[in-house]
Every structure is written in C-alpha cells, then in structure tokens.
Amino acid sequence: MLKISLKEGQYVNIGDDIRVVYVGRSGSNGKLMIEAPKELRISRSVEDVDGKKYYADPKLSIEAQNEIKQILKRERLKNGTR
C-alpha cells in the first residue's frame, strides 16, 4: 500500500485514465476529487477499527475489482516493484 501526503491541488495519477486530486480539508475530513472514465465504478471503503485494514464497498462489482487489480499490477511492473 502506498501512503503519501499531498498539498491542496496536488494529485496522483493511477494508470492513464484516473487522477485523484486533493482539494483541501473541511473540519476533520479531507476532500478528494476523482477524475475517471464514466464506465469505471468508484466506491468508498471503510477503515477497520485498528486503522490498518480496508474493505471495498460491497456495491463494487467484480469487474471493477479486477480492473483495479490490473491497474495496480501494471503500475507495479512499470515501477519495478512487486
């Protein structure tokens, strides 16, 4: 898992089609803007009590889960990591 710090307006690209932009804070909540193809389903995940485990929203389709896995795999191969 990658953990990064971003300043307002900074972004992270995932593959060629997805961009996650940090747009600031509101109270204790960070705000993200996600640019992605309309056909890609995006869902939230829930943080476990210990703060280390994340679970996909049950509405996330198998196809979307597989697409995310493929994007992550391509990025790891591109960066020379496992």
N, C-alpha and C. Protein backbone atom coordinates (compact mmCIF):
# COMPACT_ATOMS: atom_id res chain seq x y z
N MET A 1 0.85 -1.17 0.00
CA MET A 1 0.00 0.00 0.00
C MET A 1 0.90 1.23 0.00
N LEU A 2 0.53 2.20 -0.77
CA LEU A 2 1.26 3.46 -0.87
C LEU A 2 0.60 4.50 0.03
N LYS A 3 1.40 5.16 0.85
CA LYS A 3 0.88 6.23 1.70
C LYS A 3 1.63 7.50 1.34
N ILE A 4 0.90 8.54 0.97
CA ILE A 4 1.54 9.79 0.56
C ILE A 4 0.85 10.98 1.22
N SER A 5 1.55 12.08 1.25
CA SER A 5 0.99 13.34 1.73
C SER A 5 0.88 14.27 0.54
N LEU A 6 -0.24 14.94 0.43
CA LEU A 6 -0.45 15.87 -0.67
C LEU A 6 -0.84 17.24 -0.14
N LYS A 7 -0.44 18.26 -0.85
CA LYS A 7 -0.89 19.61 -0.56
C LYS A 7 -2.07 19.90 -1.47
N GLU A 8 -2.87 20.88 -1.09
CA GLU A 8 -4.03 21.24 -1.87
C GLU A 8 -3.65 21.48 -3.33
N GLY A 9 -4.40 20.85 -4.22
CA GLY A 9 -4.15 20.99 -5.66
C GLY A 9 -3.23 19.93 -6.23
N GLN A 10 -2.50 19.20 -5.38
CA GLN A 10 -1.64 18.13 -5.88
C GLN A 10 -2.48 16.90 -6.19
N TYR A 11 -1.94 16.04 -7.04
CA TYR A 11 -2.72 14.89 -7.47
C TYR A 11 -1.85 13.65 -7.64
N VAL A 12 -2.53 12.52 -7.78
CA VAL A 12 -1.91 11.23 -8.04
C VAL A 12 -2.60 10.65 -9.27
N ASN A 13 -1.82 10.21 -10.25
CA ASN A 13 -2.39 9.54 -11.41
C ASN A 13 -2.30 8.04 -11.19
N ILE A 14 -3.37 7.33 -11.56
CA ILE A 14 -3.41 5.87 -11.50
C ILE A 14 -3.65 5.39 -12.92
N GLY A 15 -2.65 4.77 -13.50
CA GLY A 15 -2.76 4.38 -14.90
C GLY A 15 -2.86 5.61 -15.77
N ASP A 16 -3.49 5.45 -16.94
CA ASP A 16 -3.61 6.56 -17.89
C ASP A 16 -4.91 7.34 -17.75
N ASP A 17 -5.90 6.77 -17.06
CA ASP A 17 -7.23 7.35 -17.09
C ASP A 17 -7.77 7.85 -15.75
N ILE A 18 -7.02 7.69 -14.67
CA ILE A 18 -7.56 8.04 -13.36
C ILE A 18 -6.64 9.05 -12.69
N ARG A 19 -7.24 10.12 -12.17
CA ARG A 19 -6.50 11.13 -11.42
C ARG A 19 -7.26 11.43 -10.13
N VAL A 20 -6.53 11.39 -9.01
CA VAL A 20 -7.10 11.71 -7.71
C VAL A 20 -6.45 13.01 -7.25
N VAL A 21 -7.28 14.04 -7.04
CA VAL A 21 -6.79 15.37 -6.68
C VAL A 21 -7.20 15.68 -5.24
N TYR A 22 -6.24 16.14 -4.44
CA TYR A 22 -6.55 16.58 -3.08
C TYR A 22 -7.00 18.04 -3.18
N VAL A 23 -8.25 18.29 -2.74
CA VAL A 23 -8.79 19.65 -2.88
C VAL A 23 -8.92 20.39 -1.56
N GLY A 24 -8.45 19.81 -0.47
CA GLY A 24 -8.45 20.52 0.80
C GLY A 24 -9.15 19.77 1.92
N ARG A 25 -9.37 20.49 3.02
CA ARG A 25 -9.98 19.91 4.21
C ARG A 25 -11.24 20.68 4.58
N SER A 26 -12.11 19.97 5.26
CA SER A 26 -13.29 20.57 5.84
C SER A 26 -13.45 19.93 7.21
N GLY A 27 -13.05 20.65 8.25
CA GLY A 27 -13.05 20.06 9.59
C GLY A 27 -12.04 18.93 9.66
N SER A 28 -12.48 17.75 10.05
CA SER A 28 -11.57 16.60 10.14
C SER A 28 -11.59 15.74 8.88
N ASN A 29 -12.26 16.19 7.83
CA ASN A 29 -12.36 15.41 6.59
C ASN A 29 -11.49 15.99 5.50
N GLY A 30 -10.74 15.12 4.83
CA GLY A 30 -10.01 15.50 3.64
C GLY A 30 -10.93 15.35 2.45
N LYS A 31 -10.78 16.22 1.45
CA LYS A 31 -11.64 16.16 0.27
C LYS A 31 -10.82 15.77 -0.94
N LEU A 32 -11.33 14.80 -1.70
CA LEU A 32 -10.68 14.33 -2.91
C LEU A 32 -11.62 14.54 -4.09
N MET A 33 -11.04 14.81 -5.24
CA MET A 33 -11.79 14.85 -6.48
C MET A 33 -11.19 13.74 -7.34
N ILE A 34 -12.04 12.89 -7.90
CA ILE A 34 -11.57 11.77 -8.68
C ILE A 34 -12.04 11.93 -10.12
N GLU A 35 -11.08 11.96 -11.04
CA GLU A 35 -11.39 12.01 -12.46
C GLU A 35 -11.15 10.61 -13.02
N ALA A 36 -12.19 10.02 -13.60
CA ALA A 36 -12.08 8.66 -14.13
C ALA A 36 -13.11 8.49 -15.24
N PRO A 37 -12.92 7.50 -16.10
CA PRO A 37 -13.93 7.23 -17.13
C PRO A 37 -15.29 6.94 -16.50
N LYS A 38 -16.35 7.36 -17.14
CA LYS A 38 -17.69 7.18 -16.60
C LYS A 38 -18.04 5.72 -16.38
N GLU A 39 -17.49 4.84 -17.22
CA GLU A 39 -17.83 3.42 -17.08
C GLU A 39 -17.12 2.74 -15.90
N LEU A 40 -16.15 3.42 -15.31
CA LEU A 40 -15.46 2.86 -14.15
C LEU A 40 -16.22 3.20 -12.88
N ARG A 41 -16.63 2.20 -12.17
CA ARG A 41 -17.39 2.41 -10.94
C ARG A 41 -16.43 2.75 -9.81
N ILE A 42 -16.74 3.79 -9.05
CA ILE A 42 -15.91 4.22 -7.94
C ILE A 42 -16.72 4.11 -6.66
N SER A 43 -16.13 3.53 -5.62
CA SER A 43 -16.85 3.41 -4.36
C SER A 43 -15.91 3.68 -3.20
N ARG A 44 -16.49 3.99 -2.07
CA ARG A 44 -15.71 4.23 -0.85
C ARG A 44 -15.36 2.91 -0.19
N SER A 45 -14.36 2.95 0.67
CA SER A 45 -14.06 1.79 1.50
C SER A 45 -14.15 2.24 2.96
N VAL A 46 -14.17 1.28 3.85
CA VAL A 46 -14.37 1.55 5.26
C VAL A 46 -13.11 1.15 6.02
N GLU A 47 -12.67 2.02 6.93
CA GLU A 47 -11.47 1.73 7.72
C GLU A 47 -11.85 0.85 8.91
N ASP A 48 -11.06 -0.18 9.14
CA ASP A 48 -11.27 -1.08 10.26
C ASP A 48 -10.89 -0.37 11.56
N VAL A 49 -11.29 -0.92 12.67
CA VAL A 49 -11.04 -0.32 13.98
C VAL A 49 -9.56 -0.09 14.23
N ASP A 50 -8.72 -1.03 13.80
CA ASP A 50 -7.28 -0.89 14.06
C ASP A 50 -6.61 0.12 13.11
N GLY A 51 -7.36 0.63 12.16
CA GLY A 51 -6.82 1.65 11.27
C GLY A 51 -5.93 1.13 10.18
N LYS A 52 -5.85 -0.18 10.00
CA LYS A 52 -4.91 -0.73 9.02
C LYS A 52 -5.57 -1.50 7.88
N LYS A 53 -6.80 -1.94 8.05
CA LYS A 53 -7.44 -2.77 7.03
C LYS A 53 -8.54 -1.99 6.35
N TYR A 54 -8.69 -2.21 5.06
CA TYR A 54 -9.72 -1.53 4.29
C TYR A 54 -10.55 -2.57 3.56
N TYR A 55 -11.82 -2.33 3.48
CA TYR A 55 -12.74 -3.26 2.83
C TYR A 55 -13.48 -2.51 1.73
N ALA A 56 -13.54 -3.13 0.58
CA ALA A 56 -14.24 -2.50 -0.54
C ALA A 56 -15.73 -2.41 -0.24
N ASP A 57 -16.33 -1.36 -0.72
CA ASP A 57 -17.78 -1.21 -0.62
C ASP A 57 -18.42 -2.42 -1.29
N PRO A 58 -19.40 -3.06 -0.67
CA PRO A 58 -20.00 -4.25 -1.27
C PRO A 58 -20.63 -3.99 -2.63
N LYS A 59 -20.91 -2.76 -2.98
CA LYS A 59 -21.51 -2.44 -4.28
C LYS A 59 -20.49 -2.48 -5.40
N LEU A 60 -19.19 -2.58 -5.09
CA LEU A 60 -18.15 -2.62 -6.09
C LEU A 60 -18.23 -3.93 -6.86
N SER A 61 -18.42 -3.86 -8.16
CA SER A 61 -18.59 -5.07 -8.97
C SER A 61 -17.28 -5.85 -9.08
N ILE A 62 -17.41 -7.12 -9.39
CA ILE A 62 -16.24 -7.97 -9.61
C ILE A 62 -15.41 -7.41 -10.75
N GLU A 63 -16.06 -6.92 -11.80
CA GLU A 63 -15.35 -6.36 -12.95
C GLU A 63 -14.50 -5.15 -12.52
N ALA A 64 -15.07 -4.28 -11.69
CA ALA A 64 -14.33 -3.12 -11.22
C ALA A 64 -13.16 -3.53 -10.33
N GLN A 65 -13.38 -4.51 -9.46
CA GLN A 65 -12.30 -5.01 -8.61
C GLN A 65 -11.16 -5.55 -9.47
N ASN A 66 -11.51 -6.31 -10.51
CA ASN A 66 -10.48 -6.87 -11.39
C ASN A 66 -9.75 -5.78 -12.16
N GLU A 67 -10.47 -4.75 -12.58
CA GLU A 67 -9.85 -3.62 -13.28
C GLU A 67 -8.85 -2.90 -12.37
N ILE A 68 -9.23 -2.68 -11.12
CA ILE A 68 -8.33 -2.04 -10.16
C ILE A 68 -7.08 -2.89 -9.95
N LYS A 69 -7.26 -4.20 -9.80
CA LYS A 69 -6.11 -5.10 -9.63
C LYS A 69 -5.17 -5.02 -10.82
N GLN A 70 -5.74 -4.97 -12.04
CA GLN A 70 -4.91 -4.88 -13.23
C GLN A 70 -4.16 -3.55 -13.31
N ILE A 71 -4.82 -2.46 -12.94
CA ILE A 71 -4.15 -1.15 -12.93
C ILE A 71 -2.99 -1.17 -11.95
N LEU A 72 -3.23 -1.67 -10.75
CA LEU A 72 -2.17 -1.73 -9.74
C LEU A 72 -1.02 -2.61 -10.19
N LYS A 73 -1.34 -3.74 -10.81
CA LYS A 73 -0.31 -4.65 -11.31
C LYS A 73 0.54 -3.96 -12.37
N ARG A 74 -0.09 -3.26 -13.33
CA ARG A 74 0.65 -2.55 -14.37
C ARG A 74 1.56 -1.48 -13.76
N GLU A 75 1.06 -0.75 -12.77
CA GLU A 75 1.86 0.29 -12.14
C GLU A 75 3.06 -0.30 -11.41
N ARG A 76 2.85 -1.42 -10.73
CA ARG A 76 3.97 -2.07 -10.03
C ARG A 76 5.03 -2.53 -11.01
N LEU A 77 4.60 -3.13 -12.13
CA LEU A 77 5.54 -3.57 -13.14
C LEU A 77 6.29 -2.40 -13.76
N LYS A 78 5.58 -1.30 -13.99
CA LYS A 78 6.20 -0.11 -14.56
C LYS A 78 7.24 0.47 -13.62
N ASN A 79 6.97 0.40 -12.31
CA ASN A 79 7.89 0.97 -11.32
C ASN A 79 8.92 -0.04 -10.82
N GLY A 80 8.86 -1.29 -11.32
CA GLY A 80 9.83 -2.28 -10.91
C GLY A 80 9.63 -2.83 -9.51
N THR A 81 8.40 -2.74 -8.97
CA THR A 81 8.10 -3.29 -7.66
C THR A 81 7.14 -4.44 -7.80
N ARG A 82 6.96 -5.19 -6.72
CA ARG A 82 6.06 -6.35 -6.77
C ARG A 82 4.71 -6.01 -6.35
